[in-house]
Protein backbone atom coordinates (compact mmCIF):
# COMPACT_ATOMS: atom_id res chain seq x y z
CA UNK A 1 -13.59 50.94 -22.98
CA UNK A 2 -11.01 52.38 -25.22
CA UNK A 3 -9.83 54.81 -22.54
CA UNK A 4 -9.60 52.03 -19.93
CA UNK A 5 -7.65 49.82 -22.32
CA UNK A 6 -5.20 52.62 -23.08
CA UNK A 7 -4.71 53.36 -19.37
CA UNK A 8 -4.13 49.69 -18.54
CA UNK A 9 -1.93 49.26 -21.58
CA UNK A 10 0.07 52.36 -20.58
CA UNK A 11 0.59 51.11 -17.03
CA UNK A 12 1.60 47.69 -18.36
CA UNK A 13 4.03 49.36 -20.73
CA UNK A 14 5.38 51.48 -17.88
CA UNK A 15 5.85 48.44 -15.57
CA UNK A 16 7.55 46.49 -18.39
CA UNK A 17 9.92 49.37 -19.04
CA UNK A 18 10.69 49.67 -15.35
CA UNK A 19 11.27 45.91 -15.11
CA UNK A 20 13.66 46.02 -18.10
CA UNK A 21 15.58 48.95 -16.63
CA UNK A 22 15.96 47.18 -13.28
CA UNK A 23 16.98 43.90 -14.95
CA UNK A 24 19.48 45.66 -17.21
CA UNK A 25 20.92 47.60 -14.26
CA UNK A 26 21.27 44.40 -12.24
CA UNK A 27 23.07 42.65 -15.11
CA UNK A 28 25.45 45.58 -15.56
CA UNK A 29 26.15 45.65 -11.83
CA UNK A 30 26.89 41.91 -11.78
CA UNK A 31 29.15 42.23 -14.83
CA UNK A 32 31.01 45.21 -13.33
CA UNK A 33 31.51 43.65 -9.90
CA UNK A 34 32.24 40.15 -11.07
CA UNK A 35 34.78 41.27 -13.64
CA UNK A 36 38.23 39.97 -14.32
CA UNK A 37 39.68 37.92 -11.46
CA UNK A 38 43.41 38.53 -11.51
CA UNK A 39 45.59 36.98 -8.86
CA UNK A 40 46.93 39.51 -6.43
CA UNK A 41 50.64 39.60 -5.87
CA UNK A 42 51.20 37.97 -2.49
CA UNK A 43 54.96 38.29 -2.38
CA UNK A 44 56.44 40.92 -0.11
CA UNK A 45 56.80 44.27 -1.81
CA UNK A 46 60.32 45.65 -1.61
CA UNK A 47 61.51 49.00 -2.92
CA UNK A 48 63.05 49.20 -6.38
CA UNK A 49 66.44 47.51 -6.55
CA UNK A 50 65.84 45.19 -3.59
CA UNK A 51 63.40 42.71 -5.13
CA UNK A 52 66.00 40.37 -6.66
CA UNK A 53 68.79 40.63 -4.08
CA UNK A 54 68.43 38.37 -1.04
CA UNK A 55 71.03 40.22 1.02
CA UNK A 56 69.24 43.52 0.51
CA UNK A 57 65.88 41.89 1.34
CA UNK A 58 67.25 40.46 4.58
CA UNK A 59 68.78 43.82 5.55
CA UNK A 60 65.52 45.59 4.69
CA UNK A 61 63.27 43.24 6.69
CA UNK A 62 62.88 44.61 10.24
CA UNK A 63 62.17 41.09 11.58
CA UNK A 64 65.69 39.91 10.65
CA UNK A 65 68.46 40.53 13.19
CA UNK A 66 71.26 39.08 11.08
CA UNK A 67 72.02 36.27 8.65
CA UNK A 68 74.91 33.98 7.93
CA UNK A 69 75.58 31.90 4.81
CA UNK A 70 77.05 28.47 5.54
CA UNK A 71 77.74 26.70 2.23
CA UNK A 72 74.36 25.94 0.65
CA UNK A 73 72.56 26.80 3.90
CA UNK A 74 71.47 30.29 4.86
CA UNK A 75 70.91 30.82 8.58
CA UNK A 76 68.63 33.78 9.37
CA UNK A 77 68.36 34.98 12.96
CA UNK A 78 65.05 36.73 13.61
CA UNK A 79 63.57 38.83 16.41
CA UNK A 80 60.27 38.68 18.30
CA UNK A 81 58.41 40.39 15.44
CA UNK A 82 59.00 37.31 13.27
CA UNK A 83 57.60 35.07 15.96
CA UNK A 84 54.45 37.19 16.32
CA UNK A 85 53.88 37.25 12.54
CA UNK A 86 51.14 34.93 11.23
CA UNK A 87 52.48 31.65 9.79
CA UNK A 88 51.32 32.62 6.29
CA UNK A 89 53.41 35.80 6.33
CA UNK A 90 56.43 33.89 7.58
CA UNK A 91 55.97 31.26 4.89
CA UNK A 92 55.60 33.88 2.16
CA UNK A 93 58.75 35.76 3.21
CA UNK A 94 60.75 32.55 3.58
CA UNK A 95 59.54 31.32 0.17
CA UNK A 96 60.67 34.58 -1.44
CA UNK A 97 64.09 34.30 0.18
CA UNK A 98 64.39 30.64 -0.76
CA UNK A 99 63.61 31.27 -4.42
CA UNK A 100 66.48 33.76 -4.59
CA UNK A 101 68.82 31.60 -2.48
CA UNK A 102 68.08 28.47 -4.54
CA UNK A 103 68.74 30.29 -7.81
CA UNK A 104 72.26 31.09 -6.60
CA UNK A 105 73.00 27.86 -4.67
CA UNK A 106 71.15 25.03 -6.44
CA UNK A 107 68.54 22.47 -5.40
CA UNK A 108 70.46 21.30 -2.32
CA UNK A 109 70.09 24.71 -0.73
CA UNK A 110 68.30 25.29 2.55
CA UNK A 111 67.22 28.23 4.67
CA UNK A 112 67.05 27.89 8.44
CA UNK A 113 65.32 30.57 10.51
CA UNK A 114 66.38 30.78 14.15
CA UNK A 115 64.98 32.74 17.06
CA UNK A 116 67.25 33.06 20.10
CA UNK A 117 69.33 30.14 18.83
CA UNK A 118 66.34 27.80 18.37
CA UNK A 119 65.32 26.67 14.89
CA UNK A 120 61.78 27.90 14.20
CA UNK A 121 61.29 27.57 10.42
CA UNK A 122 63.07 25.93 7.49
CA UNK A 123 62.66 25.79 3.74
CA UNK A 124 64.18 23.08 1.56
CA UNK A 125 63.60 21.88 -2.00
CA UNK A 126 62.28 18.52 -0.72
CA UNK A 127 59.82 19.66 1.94
CA UNK A 128 59.22 23.34 1.21
CA UNK A 129 58.18 25.37 4.24
CA UNK A 130 58.50 23.52 7.54
CA UNK A 131 57.76 25.16 10.88
CA UNK A 132 59.91 23.55 13.60
CA UNK A 133 56.83 22.27 15.46
CA UNK A 134 55.75 20.30 12.38
CA UNK A 135 59.02 18.35 12.19
CA UNK A 136 58.72 17.36 15.87
CA UNK A 137 55.18 16.07 15.32
CA UNK A 138 56.29 13.99 12.33
CA UNK A 139 59.15 12.38 14.23
CA UNK A 140 56.97 11.61 17.26
CA UNK A 141 54.35 9.92 15.06
CA UNK A 142 56.91 7.72 13.29
């Protein structure tokens, strides 16, 4: 019986060790994969020297045809690439431009994005990002 006990005890010891190794590996894997959640930078990435200059950003952006300051309002004429961009990308770019424009022109500033002469997006301090279609829906519901 002593030999049987040692064999069973050895296999129990072996299975316990294996179980501990698997459990420890799983915990390490979870800790490594679930690590620090840092927010990713979602703002457009511009080359060095362009990041804080709205005129350079507008010239750098291939979706912008031209732009025209009009007092506290900045009018940005865009091409078809802007229109085919997802709304989130348009909002992010417009928000970046607005933060720079507002810093230089105050809280009454506004950015209007136009495509072929038609207003497509705006950003103001009051309403934030407003696609043109959203404004029409609000006025028709009122």
